[in-house]
Protein backbone atom coordinates (compact mmCIF):
# COMPACT_ATOMS: atom_id res chain seq x y z
CA MET A 1 6.35 -10.12 21.31
CA ALA A 2 3.87 -6.99 18.91
CA LEU A 3 4.42 -3.52 19.07
CA GLY A 4 1.11 -3.50 21.24
CA GLU A 5 2.23 -6.47 23.96
CA GLY A 6 5.03 -4.58 25.13
CA CYS A 7 5.68 -2.98 28.43
CA PRO A 8 3.39 -0.28 29.64
CA ALA A 9 6.13 2.07 29.69
CA GLU A 10 6.46 1.09 25.82
CA HIS A 11 2.57 0.90 24.97
CA SER A 12 2.30 4.19 26.61
CA ALA A 13 5.35 6.03 24.28
CA TYR A 14 3.85 4.42 21.04
CA SER A 15 0.27 5.41 21.95
CA ALA A 16 1.33 9.04 22.92
CA LEU A 17 2.65 9.39 19.44
CA GLU A 18 -0.36 8.50 18.18
CA THR A 19 -2.39 10.75 19.83
CA LEU A 20 -0.10 13.64 18.52
CA MET A 21 -0.75 12.26 14.72
CA ARG A 22 -4.66 12.34 15.45
CA ARG A 23 -4.77 15.60 16.64
CA ARG A 24 -2.87 17.41 13.65
CA LEU A 25 -4.59 14.95 10.77
CA GLY A 26 -7.93 14.10 12.23
CA ARG A 27 -7.92 10.32 11.76
CA GLU A 28 -7.29 7.70 13.43
CA CYS A 29 -3.61 6.56 13.33
CA LEU A 30 -1.16 3.29 13.89
CA TYR A 31 2.04 3.98 15.09
CA VAL A 32 4.48 1.65 12.47
CA PRO A 33 7.73 1.01 12.69
CA SER A 34 8.67 2.87 9.44
CA CYS A 35 6.45 4.57 6.44
CA ARG A 36 7.13 1.21 4.03
CA LEU A 37 6.00 -1.00 6.27
CA GLY A 38 2.75 1.07 6.85
CA LEU A 39 2.43 1.29 2.98
CA TYR A 40 3.10 -2.83 2.65
CA VAL A 41 -0.12 -3.13 5.16
CA ALA A 42 -2.49 -0.68 3.55
CA LEU A 43 -1.79 -2.32 -0.03
CA ARG A 44 -2.19 -5.75 1.75
CA HIS A 45 -5.64 -5.20 3.39
CA TRP A 46 -6.90 -2.68 0.19
CA CYS A 47 -5.75 -4.63 -3.03
CA ARG A 48 -6.17 -8.16 -3.79
CA PRO A 49 -2.67 -9.52 -5.70
CA GLY A 50 -2.77 -9.28 -8.83
CA GLY A 51 -3.95 -5.87 -9.26
CA ARG A 52 -2.74 -3.01 -10.90
CA VAL A 53 -2.02 0.20 -8.69
CA LEU A 54 -1.60 3.51 -10.33
CA MET A 55 1.67 5.74 -8.74
CA SER A 56 3.57 8.25 -9.57
CA PRO A 57 6.91 7.52 -11.89
CA VAL A 58 9.80 9.46 -9.91
CA ASN A 59 9.24 8.07 -6.62
CA ASP A 60 11.81 6.34 -4.43
CA ASP A 61 12.49 2.72 -5.82
CA VAL A 62 11.93 1.56 -2.34
CA ILE A 63 8.43 2.26 -3.12
CA PHE A 64 7.93 0.18 -6.14
CA PHE A 65 9.41 -2.56 -4.64
CA VAL A 66 7.09 -2.63 -1.85
CA VAL A 67 4.37 -2.60 -4.50
CA LEU A 68 5.72 -5.87 -5.93
CA ALA A 69 5.86 -6.82 -2.47
CA ALA A 70 2.23 -6.74 -2.03
CA GLY A 71 1.42 -8.83 -5.40
CA LEU A 72 0.49 -5.70 -7.61
CA ARG A 73 1.14 -4.38 -10.49
CA PRO A 74 2.60 -0.86 -10.69
CA VAL A 75 0.80 1.38 -13.48
CA GLN A 76 3.34 4.97 -13.82
CA ALA A 77 0.98 7.80 -13.59
CA PRO A 78 1.99 10.53 -16.28
CA LEU A 79 3.31 13.53 -14.22
CA SER A 80 3.07 17.91 -14.36
CA ALA A 81 6.33 18.14 -15.42
CA ARG A 82 6.21 21.96 -13.38
CA ASP A 83 6.31 20.06 -9.97
CA GLY A 84 6.04 16.47 -10.64
CA SER A 85 2.61 15.64 -9.32
CA ILE A 86 0.42 13.29 -10.89
CA ASP A 87 -1.23 14.42 -13.76
CA PRO A 88 -5.00 13.41 -14.15
CA ALA A 89 -5.99 15.01 -17.15
CA GLY A 90 -2.75 13.07 -18.61
CA LEU A 91 -4.22 9.53 -18.25
CA PRO A 92 -6.52 8.45 -21.17
CA GLU A 93 -10.11 6.89 -19.61
CA SER A 94 -8.69 3.50 -20.57
CA GLY A 95 -5.69 4.00 -18.48
CA TRP A 96 -8.34 4.55 -15.60
CA ARG A 97 -10.33 0.97 -16.21
CA GLY A 98 -8.67 -1.90 -14.74
CA LEU A 99 -6.97 -0.43 -12.24
CA SER A 100 -7.42 -1.48 -8.32
CA ALA A 101 -5.97 1.35 -6.35
CA VAL A 102 -4.45 5.42 -6.80
CA LEU A 103 -1.20 5.64 -4.43
CA THR A 104 -0.07 9.47 -4.44
CA THR A 105 3.14 10.52 -3.72
CA ASN A 106 3.37 14.29 -2.72
CA LEU A 107 6.55 14.85 -3.89
CA TYR A 108 8.93 17.13 -1.57
CA GLY A 109 5.36 17.44 -0.15
CA ASN A 110 4.28 19.03 -2.82
CA PRO A 111 0.86 17.58 -2.63
CA ASP A 112 -1.08 15.76 -5.55
CA PRO A 113 -4.37 16.75 -6.56
CA ALA A 114 -6.28 14.80 -4.18
CA PRO A 115 -9.49 16.04 -4.29
CA GLU A 116 -10.25 15.07 -7.60
CA LEU A 117 -7.97 11.67 -7.40
CA ARG A 118 -10.24 11.15 -4.81
CA ALA A 119 -13.31 11.98 -7.11
CA ARG A 120 -12.30 9.49 -9.85
CA CYS A 121 -11.36 6.84 -6.76
CA ASP A 122 -14.74 6.93 -5.78
CA ALA A 123 -16.52 7.05 -9.50
CA LEU A 124 -14.52 3.91 -9.96
CA GLY A 125 -15.24 2.25 -6.61
CA ILE A 126 -11.16 1.71 -5.83
CA PRO A 127 -9.29 3.11 -2.90
CA LEU A 128 -7.01 6.05 -2.64
CA ILE A 129 -4.01 5.57 -0.65
CA GLU A 130 -1.88 8.90 0.53
CA ASP A 131 2.20 8.43 0.52
CA ALA A 132 2.88 11.75 2.87
CA ALA A 133 5.65 10.98 3.79
CA HIS A 134 7.43 13.96 2.46
CA ALA A 135 4.09 15.89 3.18
CA ILE A 136 3.23 16.26 7.08
CA GLY A 137 1.92 20.06 7.51
CA SER A 138 0.92 19.99 3.76
CA GLU A 139 -2.26 21.04 2.87
CA VAL A 140 -4.51 20.84 -0.27
CA ALA A 141 -8.29 22.68 -0.94
CA GLY A 142 -8.08 23.67 2.94
CA ARG A 143 -6.98 20.40 3.78
CA PRO A 144 -3.92 18.61 5.47
CA VAL A 145 -2.53 15.88 2.92
CA GLY A 146 -3.13 12.60 4.11
CA GLY A 147 -7.15 13.22 5.05
CA PHE A 148 -8.61 12.34 1.68
CA GLY A 149 -7.42 8.11 1.79
CA ASP A 150 -8.51 5.76 2.88
CA ALA A 151 -5.13 5.04 3.61
CA SER A 152 -2.94 7.42 4.51
CA VAL A 153 0.97 6.77 5.52
CA PHE A 154 3.51 9.34 6.99
CA SER A 155 7.28 9.35 7.51
CA LEU A 156 8.58 9.89 10.92
CA SER A 157 12.48 9.89 9.02
CA LYS A 158 11.79 13.21 7.08
CA HIS A 159 10.25 16.21 8.98
CA VAL A 160 10.70 14.95 12.49
CA GLY A 161 14.17 13.50 11.31
CA ALA A 162 13.59 10.74 13.65
CA LYS A 163 15.18 7.89 11.35
CA SER A 164 12.78 5.73 12.36
CA GLY A 165 8.75 5.35 12.60
CA GLY A 166 6.23 6.76 11.02
CA PHE A 167 1.90 6.57 10.78
CA LEU A 168 -1.04 4.65 9.07
CA ALA A 169 -3.94 6.36 9.33
CA LEU A 170 -7.17 5.65 8.37
CA ALA A 171 -10.61 6.42 7.35
CA ASP A 172 -12.08 4.21 8.94
CA PRO A 173 -10.94 3.77 12.38
CA GLY A 174 -12.72 0.46 12.97
CA LEU A 175 -10.24 -0.92 10.88
CA ARG A 176 -7.60 -0.21 13.37
CA THR A 177 -8.05 -3.76 15.80
CA GLU A 178 -7.30 -5.46 11.98
CA LEU A 179 -4.60 -3.58 10.71
CA ALA A 180 -3.04 -3.48 14.06
CA ARG A 181 -2.92 -7.06 13.75
CA ALA A 182 -1.80 -7.38 10.54
CA ARG A 183 1.22 -4.84 11.32
CA ASP A 184 1.95 -7.18 14.43
CA ALA A 185 2.43 -9.82 12.34
CA LEU A 186 4.89 -8.61 10.15
CA LEU A 187 7.35 -7.49 12.81
CA GLU A 188 10.66 -8.72 14.13
CA PRO A 189 11.82 -8.41 17.87
CA SER A 190 13.29 -5.12 19.04
CA ARG A 191 17.68 -6.23 19.11
CA LEU A 192 19.71 -4.21 21.87
CA THR A 193 22.47 -3.67 19.06
CA ALA A 194 19.91 -2.13 16.84
CA GLU A 195 18.77 0.40 19.78
CA LEU A 196 22.12 1.50 20.96
CA ALA A 197 22.72 2.15 17.49
CA TYR A 198 20.15 4.38 17.07
CA ALA A 199 20.73 5.99 20.25
CA LEU A 200 23.88 6.69 19.46
CA ARG A 201 23.72 7.35 15.85
CA PRO A 202 23.27 11.17 16.64
CA TYR A 203 26.28 11.87 17.69
CA ALA A 204 28.46 9.46 15.32
CA GLU A 205 26.67 11.73 12.65
CA ALA A 206 27.71 15.29 14.35
CA GLY A 207 30.97 13.90 14.58
CA VAL A 208 31.65 12.89 10.76
CA ARG A 209 29.53 16.43 10.29
CA GLY A 210 32.34 18.46 12.64
CA LEU A 211 35.50 16.63 11.55
CA ARG A 212 34.41 17.07 7.83
CA LEU A 213 34.97 13.00 7.38
CA VAL A 214 31.56 12.93 5.41
CA ARG A 215 32.91 12.07 2.19
CA ALA A 216 35.37 9.01 4.03
CA ALA A 217 32.80 8.00 6.02
CA HIS A 218 30.89 7.21 2.65
CA ALA A 219 34.08 5.37 1.37
CA ALA A 220 34.44 3.28 4.18
CA LEU A 221 30.62 2.29 3.66
CA ARG A 222 31.51 1.25 0.28
CA LEU A 223 34.69 -0.73 0.67
CA LEU A 224 32.75 -2.44 3.57
CA GLY A 225 29.49 -2.94 1.07
CA ARG A 226 27.20 -1.07 3.08
CA GLU A 227 26.38 1.69 0.98
CA GLU A 228 24.04 0.44 -1.20
CA ARG A 229 23.20 2.60 -3.71
CA ALA A 230 26.06 3.12 -5.61
CA GLU A 231 24.17 5.38 -8.64
CA ILE A 232 20.57 7.57 -7.81
CA ARG A 233 18.25 3.84 -8.01
CA MET A 234 19.63 0.67 -6.26
CA PRO A 235 20.31 -1.93 -8.88
CA LEU A 236 17.24 -3.30 -9.97
CA ARG A 237 18.81 -7.45 -10.20
CA PRO A 238 16.51 -8.74 -12.38
CA GLY A 239 16.96 -12.02 -12.81
CA GLU A 240 16.39 -12.15 -9.34
CA LEU A 241 13.21 -9.65 -9.01
CA LYS A 242 11.79 -11.95 -11.57
CA ARG A 243 12.25 -14.72 -9.10
CA ALA A 244 11.35 -13.15 -5.80
CA LEU A 245 7.58 -12.12 -8.05
CA GLY A 246 6.67 -15.90 -7.99
CA THR A 247 7.07 -15.41 -4.04
CA ALA A 248 4.33 -12.65 -3.46
CA PRO A 249 2.12 -11.39 -1.80
CA GLY A 250 4.86 -11.21 0.89
CA LEU A 251 7.61 -9.15 2.50
CA ASP A 252 10.74 -11.85 2.34
CA GLY A 253 11.20 -12.39 -1.00
CA PHE A 254 11.48 -8.78 -1.64
CA HIS A 255 13.90 -8.19 1.65
CA SER A 256 17.44 -7.14 0.04
CA TRP A 257 14.94 -4.13 -1.95
CA VAL A 258 12.22 -3.21 0.47
CA ARG A 259 15.57 -2.32 3.36
CA VAL A 260 17.40 -0.44 1.75
CA ASP A 261 18.14 2.49 3.47
CA MET A 262 16.69 1.73 7.00
CA HIS A 263 17.28 -1.97 7.37
CA ASP A 264 15.52 -1.92 10.59
CA TYR A 265 11.84 -0.81 8.41
CA ARG A 266 10.06 -4.14 10.25
CA LEU A 267 11.85 -3.85 14.07
CA ARG A 268 9.96 -3.34 16.78
CA SER A 269 10.73 -0.26 18.38
CA GLY A 270 12.21 0.27 21.57
CA ARG A 271 11.48 2.72 24.80
CA SER A 272 13.98 4.67 23.86
CA ARG A 273 13.16 4.69 20.13
CA LEU A 274 9.92 5.77 21.26
CA ARG A 275 10.68 8.21 23.52
CA ARG A 276 13.33 9.90 21.18
CA THR A 277 10.55 10.10 18.79
CA GLN A 278 8.06 11.48 20.37
CA ARG A 279 10.28 14.55 21.81
CA LEU A 280 11.24 15.11 18.37
CA LEU A 281 7.63 14.88 17.10
CA SER A 282 6.51 17.45 19.69
CA GLY A 283 8.26 20.39 18.07
CA LEU A 284 7.43 19.70 14.08
CA ASP A 285 5.78 23.00 14.54
CA GLN A 286 8.42 24.64 14.73
CA ARG A 287 10.75 22.88 12.14
CA LEU A 288 7.89 22.80 9.38
CA ALA A 289 7.82 26.86 10.10
CA ALA A 290 11.38 26.87 9.68
CA HIS A 291 10.71 24.93 6.46
CA ARG A 292 8.61 27.16 5.07
CA ARG A 293 10.48 30.55 5.54
CA GLY A 294 12.92 28.56 3.51
CA THR A 295 10.88 27.36 1.05
CA GLU A 296 9.57 30.73 -0.12
CA LYS A 297 13.53 31.96 -0.18
CA LEU A 298 13.65 28.83 -2.43
CA LEU A 299 10.79 29.50 -4.69
CA ALA A 300 11.41 32.95 -5.10
CA SER A 301 14.45 32.18 -6.67
CA PRO A 302 15.46 31.90 -10.47
CA TRP A 303 15.73 28.34 -10.20
CA GLY A 304 11.92 27.69 -8.00
CA ASP A 305 8.26 28.57 -8.94
CA PRO A 306 6.80 31.76 -6.90
CA GLY A 307 3.61 31.43 -8.34
CA GLY A 308 3.06 27.41 -7.94
CA VAL A 309 0.91 25.91 -5.89
CA ALA A 310 3.41 24.97 -3.58
CA ARG A 311 4.56 28.22 -2.25
CA ALA A 312 2.85 28.17 0.83
CA GLN A 313 3.71 24.74 1.65
CA PRO A 314 6.91 23.45 3.83
CA LEU A 315 7.91 21.71 1.82
CA PHE A 316 10.20 18.88 3.03
CA ARG A 317 12.43 19.64 -0.08
CA VAL A 318 11.90 22.03 -3.04
CA PRO A 319 12.90 21.11 -6.18
CA LEU A 320 14.51 23.95 -8.00
CA LEU A 321 14.61 23.47 -11.86
CA VAL A 322 18.08 23.76 -12.65
CA GLU A 323 19.59 23.50 -16.18
CA ASP A 324 23.04 21.48 -15.65
CA ARG A 325 21.45 19.37 -12.37
CA ASP A 326 25.17 17.69 -12.41
CA ALA A 327 27.22 20.66 -12.11
CA ALA A 328 24.97 21.95 -9.28
CA ILE A 329 24.90 19.05 -7.53
CA ALA A 330 29.03 18.61 -7.21
CA ALA A 331 29.57 22.63 -6.34
CA LEU A 332 26.91 22.34 -3.49
CA ALA A 333 29.23 18.58 -2.34
CA ARG A 334 32.04 21.67 -2.52
CA HIS A 335 30.32 23.43 0.12
CA ARG A 336 29.16 20.56 2.49
CA VAL A 337 25.86 20.53 1.30
CA THR A 338 24.51 17.13 0.17
CA THR A 339 21.99 16.37 -2.66
CA GLY A 340 19.40 13.74 -1.99
CA TYR A 341 16.21 12.02 -2.60
CA LEU A 342 16.84 12.02 -6.70
CA TYR A 343 14.50 9.91 -8.66
CA ASP A 344 16.48 9.93 -11.88
CA PRO A 345 15.35 8.30 -14.03
CA PRO A 346 11.67 7.62 -13.82
CA LEU A 347 10.55 4.06 -12.57
CA ASP A 348 9.09 2.96 -16.21
CA ALA A 349 12.36 4.04 -17.74
CA TYR A 350 14.55 1.97 -14.91
CA ALA A 351 12.64 -1.19 -14.24
CA GLY A 352 11.31 -1.53 -17.72
CA GLU A 353 7.66 -3.01 -19.25
CA VAL A 354 8.46 -6.27 -17.64
CA PHE A 355 7.97 -4.89 -13.84
CA THR A 356 5.59 -1.79 -14.58
CA ASP A 357 3.23 -0.87 -17.21
CA PRO A 358 4.82 2.21 -18.50
CA SER A 359 3.24 5.85 -18.47
CA PRO A 360 1.34 6.97 -21.74
CA ALA A 361 2.88 9.90 -21.33
CA PRO A 362 6.09 9.71 -19.87
CA GLY A 363 8.65 13.23 -21.24
CA PRO A 364 6.85 15.68 -18.75
CA ALA A 365 8.17 13.19 -16.15
CA ALA A 366 11.53 13.01 -17.53
CA TRP A 367 12.44 15.86 -18.15
CA PHE A 368 11.31 17.37 -14.41
CA ALA A 369 13.84 14.06 -12.62
CA ARG A 370 16.48 15.44 -14.62
CA HIS A 371 16.59 18.80 -14.15
CA ALA A 372 14.47 18.78 -10.16
CA LEU A 373 17.29 19.69 -7.95
CA PRO A 374 15.76 18.99 -4.29
CA ALA A 375 17.07 21.28 -2.04
CA ASP A 376 16.88 21.46 1.62
CA PRO A 377 14.51 24.73 3.58
CA ARG A 378 16.60 24.95 5.99
CA ARG A 379 19.40 25.94 4.17
CA ALA A 380 18.13 28.02 1.37
CA ASP A 381 20.61 30.49 1.73
CA GLU A 382 23.16 28.35 1.55
CA VAL A 383 22.27 26.43 -2.08
CA ILE A 384 20.86 29.97 -3.20
CA ALA A 385 24.74 31.55 -2.85
CA VAL A 386 26.16 28.39 -4.15
CA LEU A 387 23.87 28.51 -7.48
CA ASP A 388 24.40 32.37 -7.79
CA GLY A 389 27.98 31.75 -7.20
CA LEU A 390 28.01 28.74 -10.23
CA GLY A 391 26.04 31.06 -12.11
CA ALA A 392 23.79 27.80 -12.69
CA ARG A 393 20.83 28.50 -15.11
CA PRO A 394 17.75 27.16 -14.44
CA ALA A 395 16.19 24.94 -16.72
CA ARG A 396 13.47 26.33 -19.25
CA ARG A 397 10.15 23.98 -20.47
CA GLU A 398 10.98 25.84 -24.40
CA GLY A 399 12.16 24.58 -27.50
CA PRO A 400 13.34 20.79 -27.43
CA ALA A 401 12.21 20.93 -23.17
CA ARG A 402 9.03 21.85 -24.09
CA ARG A 403 9.04 19.51 -27.11
CA GLU A 404 10.09 16.42 -25.11
CA ALA A 405 7.77 17.53 -22.12
CA SER A 406 4.28 16.86 -24.19
CA GLY A 407 6.42 13.49 -24.89
CA GLU A 408 7.42 14.33 -28.46
CA GLY A 409 11.59 13.48 -29.30
CA GLN A 410 11.31 11.38 -25.67
CA ARG A 411 15.22 10.05 -25.19
CA GLY A 412 14.63 7.78 -22.24
CA GLY A 413 14.94 8.93 -18.67
CA GLY A 414 18.43 9.27 -17.68
């Protein structure tokens, strides 16, 4: 049974979610069980198989595999070393020709230059698709992120903390019925065990944190084979990936990569999940205010960027630039502050030219990926205290780092 064909209570729950997001964004919004599924639906609608999609190399590898699953060739964009945003000026004119779409990332909530990218896409006659998973509440040029693209996708696992759900927002509301059918065709039936696990997860996580068993829990998951990322990037498994490419477009051949960190990404949402998600989304403004306060503190720290364009944004994570990031992560872990959402090495170094077109200027992305420390703004005071106590040095783009950021002396992406 498709998401739109559930009982009246379920229909009311996801309609209420869509209404909340529609009011915030000013666009037609379609509920999806995950941002990654919404992105796949958008790519399949707007891009023919075999097309080329410009995207950020500093991004979750799951998104990379979603692009491949849609039958498309990822093309890695040049980035700003300052904040990891796409740098349109860094892509030669020849690089724009032949693209089928541009996919933004809005990394950690910091906006990509959507107005410029929109103008480029209009001139080329190709769609702009905005991945706003990190960027509910972020704005650019006086408009919300997600309000520039032909389509945009949002995640309720990030700012909202729902661990499930998202939206596919549409510039053309007339496409809603067609895209809803495409979504429904991909959904798997809801499972009682999955709904029970979802309902119990917040209590289990609170118990683990309260008993200080986070490390033990991760060790147990590794022993059971349930922790799928021993390193920052998931295993590429190039032999298997080459075989999967022969099945594209389609999610089934890429399932083992696309499901990582969210095995329920295609699962039809049950009533309890939808009700909890609606409750969390209704409190989004208070959560965004807390993120904004913490963001301002972190950007004003020695490792931040007080004059940056993200200054007023309620960032999902604040990318502090730290010289010895590994030491900083270890120090934070000793104080029970977990660092997540690391995307190092960049995707072109991770996947290689067999699976992606590399960036024409990889240096800035490699420098940013190696030094960015994504800090939770709600724990700004703790993060600053730990880094102060460690004597952590800010990463500066002078000398060798500046040469690296300009592409000179590039040494891989790790």
